[in-house]
Amino acid sequence: MLRDLLFPEGGPRRSSLGRMVNQSTVLLMVSIGTLILLLALLILFHQNSNATKGYLLRNLERERSHLLLDQEVLNMQVAKAQAMEKIESDRQVQTMIPVKNPTYTTINKVIPSETLE
């Protein structure tokens, strides 16, 4: 049917106005249908790429948070090591004399009882 409308068999005949209108209508509908299919495929591929980028972004954010946590742990370890080195290398601490036989005192707090009446 489509071939008959677009390419009529026979010799060089004059086409009637109705046949030309039918041919142009069919051609227009086929063109519009093709454009709709192409746009639908384009939208499908675009949405697919966006979804893939979303998964990649989520994985990168998760990896970033793990790396930031590791960096914080390493910064705390560096600060702890530097603090001990700083205390040990302080001139005033090095000149202190170590204590021999230290005596510790304890304070016992006496809780006052209620006043006797």
PDB file of N, CA and C in Angstrom:
ATOM      1  N   MET A   1       0.828  -1.189   0.000  1.00  0.00           N
ATOM      2  CA  MET A   1       0.000   0.000   0.000  1.00  0.00           C
ATOM      3  C   MET A   1       0.869   1.248   0.000  1.00  0.00           C
ATOM      4  N   LEU A   2       1.883   1.262   0.874  1.00  0.00           N
ATOM      5  CA  LEU A   2       2.756   2.423   0.948  1.00  0.00           C
ATOM      6  C   LEU A   2       3.527   2.591  -0.347  1.00  0.00           C
ATOM      7  N   ARG A   3       3.977   1.468  -0.912  1.00  0.00           N
ATOM      8  CA  ARG A   3       4.729   1.542  -2.162  1.00  0.00           C
ATOM      9  C   ARG A   3       3.837   2.014  -3.305  1.00  0.00           C
ATOM     10  N   ASP A   4       2.609   1.587  -3.275  1.00  0.00           N
ATOM     11  CA  ASP A   4       1.683   2.013  -4.329  1.00  0.00           C
ATOM     12  C   ASP A   4       1.406   3.506  -4.247  1.00  0.00           C
ATOM     13  N   LEU A   5       1.359   4.027  -3.012  1.00  0.00           N
ATOM     14  CA  LEU A   5       1.090   5.457  -2.870  1.00  0.00           C
ATOM     15  C   LEU A   5       2.309   6.292  -3.250  1.00  0.00           C
ATOM     16  N   LEU A   6       3.487   5.836  -2.868  1.00  0.00           N
ATOM     17  CA  LEU A   6       4.683   6.623  -3.142  1.00  0.00           C
ATOM     18  C   LEU A   6       5.199   6.424  -4.557  1.00  0.00           C
ATOM     19  N   PHE A   7       5.152   5.209  -5.040  1.00  0.00           N
ATOM     20  CA  PHE A   7       5.684   4.909  -6.366  1.00  0.00           C
ATOM     21  C   PHE A   7       4.609   4.189  -7.198  1.00  0.00           C
ATOM     22  N   PRO A   8       3.728   4.909  -7.829  1.00  0.00           N
ATOM     23  CA  PRO A   8       2.686   4.243  -8.608  1.00  0.00           C
ATOM     24  C   PRO A   8       3.280   3.584  -9.843  1.00  0.00           C
ATOM     25  N   GLU A   9       2.743   2.374 -10.148  1.00  0.00           N
ATOM     26  CA  GLU A   9       3.249   1.650 -11.307  1.00  0.00           C
ATOM     27  C   GLU A   9       2.619   2.220 -12.571  1.00  0.00           C
ATOM     28  N   GLY A  10       3.322   2.090 -13.602  1.00  0.00           N
ATOM     29  CA  GLY A  10       2.801   2.563 -14.876  1.00  0.00           C
ATOM     30  C   GLY A  10       3.695   3.645 -15.438  1.00  0.00           C
ATOM     31  N   GLY A  11       3.356   4.085 -16.565  1.00  0.00           N
ATOM     32  CA  GLY A  11       4.162   5.077 -17.259  1.00  0.00           C
ATOM     33  C   GLY A  11       3.978   6.472 -16.699  1.00  0.00           C
ATOM     34  N   PRO A  12       4.476   7.412 -17.446  1.00  0.00           N
ATOM     35  CA  PRO A  12       4.349   8.803 -16.994  1.00  0.00           C
ATOM     36  C   PRO A  12       2.914   9.283 -17.124  1.00  0.00           C
ATOM     37  N   ARG A  13       2.186   9.135 -16.038  1.00  0.00           N
ATOM     38  CA  ARG A  13       0.817   9.620 -15.989  1.00  0.00           C
ATOM     39  C   ARG A  13       0.764  10.863 -15.147  1.00  0.00           C
ATOM     40  N   ARG A  14      -0.232  11.618 -15.363  1.00  0.00           N
ATOM     41  CA  ARG A  14      -0.439  12.770 -14.509  1.00  0.00           C
ATOM     42  C   ARG A  14      -1.068  12.299 -13.209  1.00  0.00           C
ATOM     43  N   SER A  15      -0.506  12.747 -12.141  1.00  0.00           N
ATOM     44  CA  SER A  15      -1.048  12.359 -10.840  1.00  0.00           C
ATOM     45  C   SER A  15      -2.223  13.250 -10.520  1.00  0.00           C
ATOM     46  N   SER A  16      -3.195  12.627  -9.934  1.00  0.00           N
ATOM     47  CA  SER A  16      -4.340  13.424  -9.531  1.00  0.00           C
ATOM     48  C   SER A  16      -3.995  14.146  -8.231  1.00  0.00           C
ATOM     49  N   LEU A  17      -4.733  15.168  -7.961  1.00  0.00           N
ATOM     50  CA  LEU A  17      -4.497  15.963  -6.766  1.00  0.00           C
ATOM     51  C   LEU A  17      -4.724  15.123  -5.511  1.00  0.00           C
ATOM     52  N   GLY A  18      -5.697  14.252  -5.533  1.00  0.00           N
ATOM     53  CA  GLY A  18      -5.973  13.402  -4.374  1.00  0.00           C
ATOM     54  C   GLY A  18      -4.838  12.442  -4.094  1.00  0.00           C
ATOM     55  N   ARG A  19      -4.245  11.883  -5.153  1.00  0.00           N
ATOM     56  CA  ARG A  19      -3.123  10.957  -4.972  1.00  0.00           C
ATOM     57  C   ARG A  19      -1.906  11.699  -4.425  1.00  0.00           C
ATOM     58  N   MET A  20      -1.635  12.908  -4.895  1.00  0.00           N
ATOM     59  CA  MET A  20      -0.497  13.702  -4.395  1.00  0.00           C
ATOM     60  C   MET A  20      -0.692  14.057  -2.926  1.00  0.00           C
ATOM     61  N   VAL A  21      -1.937  14.369  -2.543  1.00  0.00           N
ATOM     62  CA  VAL A  21      -2.226  14.686  -1.140  1.00  0.00           C
ATOM     63  C   VAL A  21      -2.006  13.446  -0.288  1.00  0.00           C
ATOM     64  N   ASN A  22      -2.460  12.278  -0.766  1.00  0.00           N
ATOM     65  CA  ASN A  22      -2.259  11.043  -0.020  1.00  0.00           C
ATOM     66  C   ASN A  22      -0.774  10.717   0.129  1.00  0.00           C
ATOM     67  N   GLN A  23      -0.018  10.897  -0.936  1.00  0.00           N
ATOM     68  CA  GLN A  23       1.425  10.618  -0.878  1.00  0.00           C
ATOM     69  C   GLN A  23       2.117  11.552   0.101  1.00  0.00           C
ATOM     70  N   SER A  24       1.786  12.817   0.072  1.00  0.00           N
ATOM     71  CA  SER A  24       2.440  13.768   0.977  1.00  0.00           C
ATOM     72  C   SER A  24       2.023  13.516   2.425  1.00  0.00           C
ATOM     73  N   THR A  25       0.771  13.106   2.636  1.00  0.00           N
ATOM     74  CA  THR A  25       0.315  12.803   3.988  1.00  0.00           C
ATOM     75  C   THR A  25       1.061  11.595   4.548  1.00  0.00           C
ATOM     76  N   VAL A  26       1.190  10.546   3.735  1.00  0.00           N
ATOM     77  CA  VAL A  26       1.900   9.352   4.185  1.00  0.00           C
ATOM     78  C   VAL A  26       3.362   9.675   4.442  1.00  0.00           C
ATOM     79  N   LEU A  27       3.978  10.421   3.558  1.00  0.00           N
ATOM     80  CA  LEU A  27       5.379  10.801   3.745  1.00  0.00           C
ATOM     81  C   LEU A  27       5.562  11.638   5.013  1.00  0.00           C
ATOM     82  N   LEU A  28       4.644  12.554   5.257  1.00  0.00           N
ATOM     83  CA  LEU A  28       4.709  13.382   6.467  1.00  0.00           C
ATOM     84  C   LEU A  28       4.556  12.525   7.718  1.00  0.00           C
ATOM     85  N   MET A  29       3.641  11.579   7.723  1.00  0.00           N
ATOM     86  CA  MET A  29       3.428  10.723   8.891  1.00  0.00           C
ATOM     87  C   MET A  29       4.636   9.827   9.132  1.00  0.00           C
ATOM     88  N   VAL A  30       5.225   9.293   8.067  1.00  0.00           N
ATOM     89  CA  VAL A  30       6.423   8.465   8.226  1.00  0.00           C
ATOM     90  C   VAL A  30       7.571   9.298   8.774  1.00  0.00           C
ATOM     91  N   SER A  31       7.720  10.515   8.282  1.00  0.00           N
ATOM     92  CA  SER A  31       8.792  11.401   8.768  1.00  0.00           C
ATOM     93  C   SER A  31       8.601  11.741  10.240  1.00  0.00           C
ATOM     94  N   ILE A  32       7.378  12.076  10.613  1.00  0.00           N
ATOM     95  CA  ILE A  32       7.106  12.415  12.012  1.00  0.00           C
ATOM     96  C   ILE A  32       7.318  11.198  12.904  1.00  0.00           C
ATOM     97  N   GLY A  33       6.872  10.030  12.472  1.00  0.00           N
ATOM     98  CA  GLY A  33       7.084   8.814  13.246  1.00  0.00           C
ATOM     99  C   GLY A  33       8.553   8.511  13.442  1.00  0.00           C
ATOM    100  N   THR A  34       9.338   8.679  12.376  1.00  0.00           N
ATOM    101  CA  THR A  34      10.777   8.457  12.475  1.00  0.00           C
ATOM    102  C   THR A  34      11.421   9.443  13.444  1.00  0.00           C
ATOM    103  N   LEU A  35      11.029  10.705  13.381  1.00  0.00           N
ATOM    104  CA  LEU A  35      11.571  11.707  14.310  1.00  0.00           C
ATOM    105  C   LEU A  35      11.208  11.371  15.757  1.00  0.00           C
ATOM    106  N   ILE A  36       9.989  10.922  15.976  1.00  0.00           N
ATOM    107  CA  ILE A  36       9.572  10.569  17.344  1.00  0.00           C
ATOM    108  C   ILE A  36      10.402   9.399  17.862  1.00  0.00           C
ATOM    109  N   LEU A  37      10.613   8.389  17.021  1.00  0.00           N
ATOM    110  CA  LEU A  37      11.435   7.248  17.446  1.00  0.00           C
ATOM    111  C   LEU A  37      12.874   7.666  17.740  1.00  0.00           C
ATOM    112  N   LEU A  38      13.431   8.514  16.885  1.00  0.00           N
ATOM    113  CA  LEU A  38      14.805   8.980  17.121  1.00  0.00           C
ATOM    114  C   LEU A  38      14.908   9.777  18.417  1.00  0.00           C
ATOM    115  N   LEU A  39      13.929  10.649  18.661  1.00  0.00           N
ATOM    116  CA  LEU A  39      13.949  11.426  19.907  1.00  0.00           C
ATOM    117  C   LEU A  39      13.767  10.523  21.132  1.00  0.00           C
ATOM    118  N   ALA A  40      12.920   9.511  21.017  1.00  0.00           N
ATOM    119  CA  ALA A  40      12.734   8.586  22.139  1.00  0.00           C
ATOM    120  C   ALA A  40      14.027   7.838  22.444  1.00  0.00           C
ATOM    121  N   LEU A  41      14.723   7.396  21.402  1.00  0.00           N
ATOM    122  CA  LEU A  41      16.006   6.713  21.622  1.00  0.00           C
ATOM    123  C   LEU A  41      17.038   7.654  22.222  1.00  0.00           C
ATOM    124  N   LEU A  42      17.061   8.894  21.745  1.00  0.00           N
ATOM    125  CA  LEU A  42      18.005   9.878  22.288  1.00  0.00           C
ATOM    126  C   LEU A  42      17.741  10.121  23.772  1.00  0.00           C
ATOM    127  N   ILE A  43      16.468  10.257  24.141  1.00  0.00           N
ATOM    128  CA  ILE A  43      16.112  10.472  25.548  1.00  0.00           C
ATOM    129  C   ILE A  43      16.492   9.248  26.381  1.00  0.00           C
ATOM    130  N   LEU A  44      16.258   8.057  25.836  1.00  0.00           N
ATOM    131  CA  LEU A  44      16.604   6.832  26.554  1.00  0.00           C
ATOM    132  C   LEU A  44      18.098   6.752  26.839  1.00  0.00           C
ATOM    133  N   PHE A  45      18.917   7.018  25.839  1.00  0.00           N
ATOM    134  CA  PHE A  45      20.366   6.972  26.044  1.00  0.00           C
ATOM    135  C   PHE A  45      20.835   8.066  27.001  1.00  0.00           C
ATOM    136  N   HIS A  46      20.213   9.235  26.916  1.00  0.00           N
ATOM    137  CA  HIS A  46      20.599  10.333  27.810  1.00  0.00           C
ATOM    138  C   HIS A  46      20.260   9.985  29.263  1.00  0.00           C
ATOM    139  N   GLN A  47      19.078   9.439  29.514  1.00  0.00           N
ATOM    140  CA  GLN A  47      18.702   9.054  30.874  1.00  0.00           C
ATOM    141  C   GLN A  47      19.584   7.939  31.400  1.00  0.00           C
ATOM    142  N   ASN A  48      19.959   7.023  30.533  1.00  0.00           N
ATOM    143  CA  ASN A  48      20.847   5.938  30.938  1.00  0.00           C
ATOM    144  C   ASN A  48      22.211   6.480  31.357  1.00  0.00           C
ATOM    145  N   SER A  49      22.727   7.425  30.598  1.00  0.00           N
ATOM    146  CA  SER A  49      24.034   7.993  30.955  1.00  0.00           C
ATOM    147  C   SER A  49      23.941   8.788  32.253  1.00  0.00           C
ATOM    148  N   ASN A  50      22.825   9.478  32.473  1.00  0.00           N
ATOM    149  CA  ASN A  50      22.655  10.209  33.733  1.00  0.00           C
ATOM    150  C   ASN A  50      22.592   9.260  34.925  1.00  0.00           C
ATOM    151  N   ALA A  51      21.894   8.135  34.765  1.00  0.00           N
ATOM    152  CA  ALA A  51      21.815   7.168  35.862  1.00  0.00           C
ATOM    153  C   ALA A  51      23.190   6.582  36.162  1.00  0.00           C
ATOM    154  N   THR A  52      23.952   6.300  35.125  1.00  0.00           N
ATOM    155  CA  THR A  52      25.300   5.757  35.319  1.00  0.00           C
ATOM    156  C   THR A  52      26.187   6.772  36.029  1.00  0.00           C
ATOM    157  N   LYS A  53      26.064   8.031  35.657  1.00  0.00           N
ATOM    158  CA  LYS A  53      26.850   9.075  36.319  1.00  0.00           C
ATOM    159  C   LYS A  53      26.452   9.204  37.785  1.00  0.00           C
ATOM    160  N   GLY A  54      25.167   9.012  38.094  1.00  0.00           N
ATOM    161  CA  GLY A  54      24.719   9.073  39.486  1.00  0.00           C
ATOM    162  C   GLY A  54      25.349   7.980  40.333  1.00  0.00           C
ATOM    163  N   TYR A  55      25.411   6.765  39.791  1.00  0.00           N
ATOM    164  CA  TYR A  55      26.055   5.669  40.528  1.00  0.00           C
ATOM    165  C   TYR A  55      27.533   5.944  40.725  1.00  0.00           C
ATOM    166  N   LEU A  56      28.195   6.441  39.685  1.00  0.00           N
ATOM    167  CA  LEU A  56      29.619   6.756  39.809  1.00  0.00           C
ATOM    168  C   LEU A  56      29.842   7.854  40.841  1.00  0.00           C
ATOM    169  N   LEU A  57      28.968   8.859  40.827  1.00  0.00           N
ATOM    170  CA  LEU A  57      29.102   9.959  41.784  1.00  0.00           C
ATOM    171  C   LEU A  57      28.916   9.462  43.214  1.00  0.00           C
ATOM    172  N   ARG A  58      27.947   8.569  43.433  1.00  0.00           N
ATOM    173  CA  ARG A  58      27.725   8.029  44.776  1.00  0.00           C
ATOM    174  C   ARG A  58      28.942   7.236  45.253  1.00  0.00           C
ATOM    175  N   ASN A  59      29.518   6.444  44.369  1.00  0.00           N
ATOM    176  CA  ASN A  59      30.706   5.666  44.742  1.00  0.00           C
ATOM    177  C   ASN A  59      31.883   6.592  45.043  1.00  0.00           C
ATOM    178  N   LEU A  60      32.039   7.642  44.244  1.00  0.00           N
ATOM    179  CA  LEU A  60      33.133   8.587  44.500  1.00  0.00           C
ATOM    180  C   LEU A  60      32.937   9.329  45.823  1.00  0.00           C
ATOM    181  N   GLU A  61      31.708   9.684  46.145  1.00  0.00           N
ATOM    182  CA  GLU A  61      31.450  10.353  47.421  1.00  0.00           C
ATOM    183  C   GLU A  61      31.746   9.423  48.597  1.00  0.00           C
ATOM    184  N   ARG A  62      31.377   8.149  48.457  1.00  0.00           N
ATOM    185  CA  ARG A  62      31.666   7.180  49.512  1.00  0.00           C
ATOM    186  C   ARG A  62      33.172   7.021  49.691  1.00  0.00           C
ATOM    187  N   GLU A  63      33.892   6.926  48.586  1.00  0.00           N
ATOM    188  CA  GLU A  63      35.353   6.790  48.658  1.00  0.00           C
ATOM    189  C   GLU A  63      35.976   8.046  49.259  1.00  0.00           C
ATOM    190  N   ARG A  64      35.431   9.218  48.923  1.00  0.00           N
ATOM    191  CA  ARG A  64      35.940  10.482  49.466  1.00  0.00           C
ATOM    192  C   ARG A  64      35.756  10.535  50.980  1.00  0.00           C
ATOM    193  N   SER A  65      34.583  10.093  51.470  1.00  0.00           N
ATOM    194  CA  SER A  65      34.356  10.133  52.915  1.00  0.00           C
ATOM    195  C   SER A  65      35.295   9.164  53.641  1.00  0.00           C
ATOM    196  N   HIS A  66      35.563   7.995  53.037  1.00  0.00           N
ATOM    197  CA  HIS A  66      36.524   7.065  53.653  1.00  0.00           C
ATOM    198  C   HIS A  66      37.927   7.675  53.678  1.00  0.00           C
ATOM    199  N   LEU A  67      38.303   8.332  52.592  1.00  0.00           N
ATOM    200  CA  LEU A  67      39.633   8.951  52.554  1.00  0.00           C
ATOM    201  C   LEU A  67      39.748  10.093  53.555  1.00  0.00           C
ATOM    202  N   LEU A  68      38.676  10.867  53.727  1.00  0.00           N
ATOM    203  CA  LEU A  68      38.711  11.950  54.720  1.00  0.00           C
ATOM    204  C   LEU A  68      38.822  11.390  56.136  1.00  0.00           C
ATOM    205  N   LEU A  69      38.141  10.288  56.395  1.00  0.00           N
ATOM    206  CA  LEU A  69      38.250   9.645  57.702  1.00  0.00           C
ATOM    207  C   LEU A  69      39.665   9.132  57.939  1.00  0.00           C
ATOM    208  N   ASP A  70      40.247   8.498  56.929  1.00  0.00           N
ATOM    209  CA  ASP A  70      41.637   8.032  57.049  1.00  0.00           C
ATOM    210  C   ASP A  70      42.586   9.193  57.272  1.00  0.00           C
ATOM    211  N   GLN A  71      42.341  10.306  56.589  1.00  0.00           N
ATOM    212  CA  GLN A  71      43.202  11.478  56.755  1.00  0.00           C
ATOM    213  C   GLN A  71      43.106  12.027  58.178  1.00  0.00           C
ATOM    214  N   GLU A  72      41.895  12.054  58.737  1.00  0.00           N
ATOM    215  CA  GLU A  72      41.738  12.523  60.115  1.00  0.00           C
ATOM    216  C   GLU A  72      42.495  11.631  61.093  1.00  0.00           C
ATOM    217  N   VAL A  73      42.403  10.317  60.887  1.00  0.00           N
ATOM    218  CA  VAL A  73      43.117   9.386  61.769  1.00  0.00           C
ATOM    219  C   VAL A  73      44.617   9.611  61.657  1.00  0.00           C
ATOM    220  N   LEU A  74      45.111   9.764  60.432  1.00  0.00           N
ATOM    221  CA  LEU A  74      46.546  10.006  60.240  1.00  0.00           C
ATOM    222  C   LEU A  74      46.975  11.341  60.844  1.00  0.00           C
ATOM    223  N   ASN A  75      46.137  12.374  60.710  1.00  0.00           N
ATOM    224  CA  ASN A  75      46.467  13.678  61.307  1.00  0.00           C
ATOM    225  C   ASN A  75      46.545  13.573  62.828  1.00  0.00           C
ATOM    226  N   MET A  76      45.639  12.796  63.426  1.00  0.00           N
ATOM    227  CA  MET A  76      45.696  12.633  64.882  1.00  0.00           C
ATOM    228  C   MET A  76      46.946  11.877  65.295  1.00  0.00           C
ATOM    229  N   GLN A  77      47.327  10.863  64.528  1.00  0.00           N
ATOM    230  CA  GLN A  77      48.541  10.120  64.854  1.00  0.00           C
ATOM    231  C   GLN A  77      49.775  11.004  64.705  1.00  0.00           C
ATOM    232  N   VAL A  78      49.810  11.848  63.682  1.00  0.00           N
ATOM    233  CA  VAL A  78      50.943  12.760  63.494  1.00  0.00           C
ATOM    234  C   VAL A  78      50.997  13.764  64.641  1.00  0.00           C
ATOM    235  N   ALA A  79      49.842  14.302  65.029  1.00  0.00           N
ATOM    236  CA  ALA A  79      49.819  15.264  66.128  1.00  0.00           C
ATOM    237  C   ALA A  79      50.284  14.625  67.431  1.00  0.00           C
ATOM    238  N   LYS A  80      49.864  13.384  67.665  1.00  0.00           N
ATOM    239  CA  LYS A  80      50.289  12.688  68.892  1.00  0.00           C
ATOM    240  C   LYS A  80      51.788  12.465  68.887  1.00  0.00           C
ATOM    241  N   ALA A  81      52.329  12.045  67.750  1.00  0.00           N
ATOM    242  CA  ALA A  81      53.772  11.805  67.664  1.00  0.00           C
ATOM    243  C   ALA A  81      54.551  13.103  67.800  1.00  0.00           C
ATOM    244  N   GLN A  82      54.072  14.148  67.209  1.00  0.00           N
ATOM    245  CA  GLN A  82      54.778  15.425  67.298  1.00  0.00           C
ATOM    246  C   GLN A  82      54.704  15.992  68.708  1.00  0.00           C
ATOM    247  N   ALA A  83      53.588  15.801  69.383  1.00  0.00           N
ATOM    248  CA  ALA A  83      53.459  16.334  70.736  1.00  0.00           C
ATOM    249  C   ALA A  83      54.441  15.646  71.678  1.00  0.00           C
ATOM    250  N   MET A  84      54.570  14.335  71.594  1.00  0.00           N
ATOM    251  CA  MET A  84      55.506  13.613  72.451  1.00  0.00           C
ATOM    252  C   MET A  84      56.942  14.025  72.138  1.00  0.00           C
ATOM    253  N   GLU A  85      57.250  14.143  70.859  1.00  0.00           N
ATOM    254  CA  GLU A  85      58.606  14.577  70.481  1.00  0.00           C
ATOM    255  C   GLU A  85      58.880  15.985  70.995  1.00  0.00           C
ATOM    256  N   LYS A  86      57.887  16.848  70.922  1.00  0.00           N
ATOM    257  CA  LYS A  86      58.074  18.225  71.370  1.00  0.00           C
ATOM    258  C   LYS A  86      58.324  18.273  72.876  1.00  0.00           C
ATOM    259  N   ILE A  87      57.570  17.479  73.617  1.00  0.00           N
ATOM    260  CA  ILE A  87      57.763  17.463  75.076  1.00  0.00           C
ATOM    261  C   ILE A  87      59.136  16.901  75.423  1.00  0.00           C
ATOM    262  N   GLU A  88      59.520  15.813  74.769  1.00  0.00           N
ATOM    263  CA  GLU A  88      60.809  15.187  75.076  1.00  0.00           C
ATOM    264  C   GLU A  88      61.981  16.072  74.667  1.00  0.00           C
ATOM    265  N   SER A  89      61.808  16.850  73.627  1.00  0.00           N
ATOM    266  CA  SER A  89      62.924  17.674  73.163  1.00  0.00           C
ATOM    267  C   SER A  89      62.947  19.057  73.827  1.00  0.00           C
ATOM    268  N   ASP A  90      61.964  19.343  74.664  1.00  0.00           N
ATOM    269  CA  ASP A  90      61.938  20.633  75.345  1.00  0.00           C
ATOM    270  C   ASP A  90      63.133  20.727  76.307  1.00  0.00           C
ATOM    271  N   ARG A  91      63.820  21.848  76.275  1.00  0.00           N
ATOM    272  CA  ARG A  91      65.028  22.024  77.082  1.00  0.00           C
ATOM    273  C   ARG A  91      64.721  21.986  78.573  1.00  0.00           C
ATOM    274  N   GLN A  92      63.633  22.583  78.960  1.00  0.00           N
ATOM    275  CA  GLN A  92      63.284  22.615  80.374  1.00  0.00           C
ATOM    276  C   GLN A  92      62.969  21.205  80.885  1.00  0.00           C
ATOM    277  N   VAL A  93      62.305  20.387  80.075  1.00  0.00           N
ATOM    278  CA  VAL A  93      61.996  19.028  80.493  1.00  0.00           C
ATOM    279  C   VAL A  93      63.273  18.195  80.570  1.00  0.00           C
ATOM    280  N   GLN A  94      64.192  18.414  79.682  1.00  0.00           N
ATOM    281  CA  GLN A  94      65.437  17.643  79.692  1.00  0.00           C
ATOM    282  C   GLN A  94      66.320  17.971  80.885  1.00  0.00           C
ATOM    283  N   THR A  95      66.238  19.186  81.394  1.00  0.00           N
ATOM    284  CA  THR A  95      67.077  19.572  82.534  1.00  0.00           C
ATOM    285  C   THR A  95      66.482  19.155  83.874  1.00  0.00           C
ATOM    286  N   MET A  96      65.297  18.605  83.886  1.00  0.00           N
ATOM    287  CA  MET A  96      64.687  18.169  85.149  1.00  0.00           C
ATOM    288  C   MET A  96      65.402  16.941  85.690  1.00  0.00           C
ATOM    289  N   ILE A  97      65.450  16.871  86.993  1.00  0.00           N
ATOM    290  CA  ILE A  97      66.094  15.737  87.651  1.00  0.00           C
ATOM    291  C   ILE A  97      65.025  14.695  87.929  1.00  0.00           C
ATOM    292  N   PRO A  98      65.284  13.459  87.585  1.00  0.00           N
ATOM    293  CA  PRO A  98      64.267  12.429  87.854  1.00  0.00           C
ATOM    294  C   PRO A  98      64.071  12.229  89.355  1.00  0.00           C
ATOM    295  N   VAL A  99      62.871  11.944  89.765  1.00  0.00           N
ATOM    296  CA  VAL A  99      62.520  11.766  91.172  1.00  0.00           C
ATOM    297  C   VAL A  99      62.858  10.340  91.591  1.00  0.00           C
ATOM    298  N   LYS A 100      63.503  10.240  92.784  1.00  0.00           N
ATOM    299  CA  LYS A 100      63.821   8.921  93.332  1.00  0.00           C
ATOM    300  C   LYS A 100      62.877   8.657  94.496  1.00  0.00           C
ATOM    301  N   ASN A 101      62.310   7.483  94.517  1.00  0.00           N
ATOM    302  CA  ASN A 101      61.377   7.067  95.572  1.00  0.00           C
ATOM    303  C   ASN A 101      60.245   8.081  95.759  1.00  0.00           C
ATOM    304  N   PRO A 102      59.379   8.211  94.812  1.00  0.00           N
ATOM    305  CA  PRO A 102      58.282   9.195  94.962  1.00  0.00           C
ATOM    306  C   PRO A 102      57.273   8.740  96.006  1.00  0.00           C
ATOM    307  N   THR A 103      56.718   9.678  96.690  1.00  0.00           N
ATOM    308  CA  THR A 103      55.697   9.402  97.693  1.00  0.00           C
ATOM    309  C   THR A 103      54.408  10.064  97.225  1.00  0.00           C
ATOM    310  N   TYR A 104      53.400   9.272  97.182  1.00  0.00           N
ATOM    311  CA  TYR A 104      52.116   9.792  96.729  1.00  0.00           C
ATOM    312  C   TYR A 104      51.224   9.998  97.927  1.00  0.00           C
ATOM    313  N   THR A 105      50.467  11.048  97.884  1.00  0.00           N
ATOM    314  CA  THR A 105      49.528  11.316  98.977  1.00  0.00           C
ATOM    315  C   THR A 105      48.113  11.158  98.453  1.00  0.00           C
ATOM    316  N   THR A 106      47.269  10.704  99.329  1.00  0.00           N
ATOM    317  CA  THR A 106      45.860  10.564  98.970  1.00  0.00           C
ATOM    318  C   THR A 106      45.044  11.415  99.918  1.00  0.00           C
ATOM    319  N   ILE A 107      44.029  11.967  99.413  1.00  0.00           N
ATOM    320  CA  ILE A 107      43.157  12.820 100.229  1.00  0.00           C
ATOM    321  C   ILE A 107      41.837  12.103 100.379  1.00  0.00           C
ATOM    322  N   ASN A 108      41.490  11.869 101.621  1.00  0.00           N
ATOM    323  CA  ASN A 108      40.204  11.241 101.916  1.00  0.00           C
ATOM    324  C   ASN A 108      39.237  12.332 102.279  1.00  0.00           C
ATOM    325  N   LYS A 109      38.218  12.458 101.507  1.00  0.00           N
ATOM    326  CA  LYS A 109      37.212  13.469 101.808  1.00  0.00           C
ATOM    327  C   LYS A 109      36.232  12.895 102.810  1.00  0.00           C
ATOM    328  N   VAL A 110      36.020  13.636 103.837  1.00  0.00           N
ATOM    329  CA  VAL A 110      35.048  13.221 104.851  1.00  0.00           C
ATOM    330  C   VAL A 110      33.763  13.945 104.535  1.00  0.00           C
ATOM    331  N   ILE A 111      32.725  13.142 104.381  1.00  0.00           N
ATOM    332  CA  ILE A 111      31.427  13.746 104.071  1.00  0.00           C
ATOM    333  C   ILE A 111      30.811  14.173 105.393  1.00  0.00           C
ATOM    334  N   PRO A 112      30.522  15.447 105.564  1.00  0.00           N
ATOM    335  CA  PRO A 112      29.938  15.875 106.836  1.00  0.00           C
ATOM    336  C   PRO A 112      28.554  15.270 107.024  1.00  0.00           C
ATOM    337  N   SER A 113      28.371  14.756 108.208  1.00  0.00           N
ATOM    338  CA  SER A 113      27.067  14.185 108.491  1.00  0.00           C
ATOM    339  C   SER A 113      26.088  15.295 108.819  1.00  0.00           C
ATOM    340  N   GLU A 114      24.855  14.916 108.890  1.00  0.00           N
ATOM    341  CA  GLU A 114      23.841  15.931 109.172  1.00  0.00           C
ATOM    342  C   GLU A 114      24.096  16.516 110.571  1.00  0.00           C
ATOM    343  N   THR A 115      23.810  17.720 110.704  1.00  0.00           N
ATOM    344  CA  THR A 115      24.052  18.382 111.997  1.00  0.00           C
ATOM    345  C   THR A 115      23.195  17.762 113.090  1.00  0.00           C
ATOM    346  N   LEU A 116      23.812  17.528 114.197  1.00  0.00           N
ATOM    347  CA  LEU A 116      23.099  16.931 115.320  1.00  0.00           C
ATOM    348  C   LEU A 116      22.358  18.017 116.069  1.00  0.00           C
ATOM    349  N   GLU A 117      21.171  17.722 116.370  1.00  0.00           N
ATOM    350  CA  GLU A 117      20.360  18.728 117.075  1.00  0.00           C
ATOM    351  C   GLU A 117      19.927  18.243 118.409  1.00  0.00           C
TER     352      GLU A 117
END
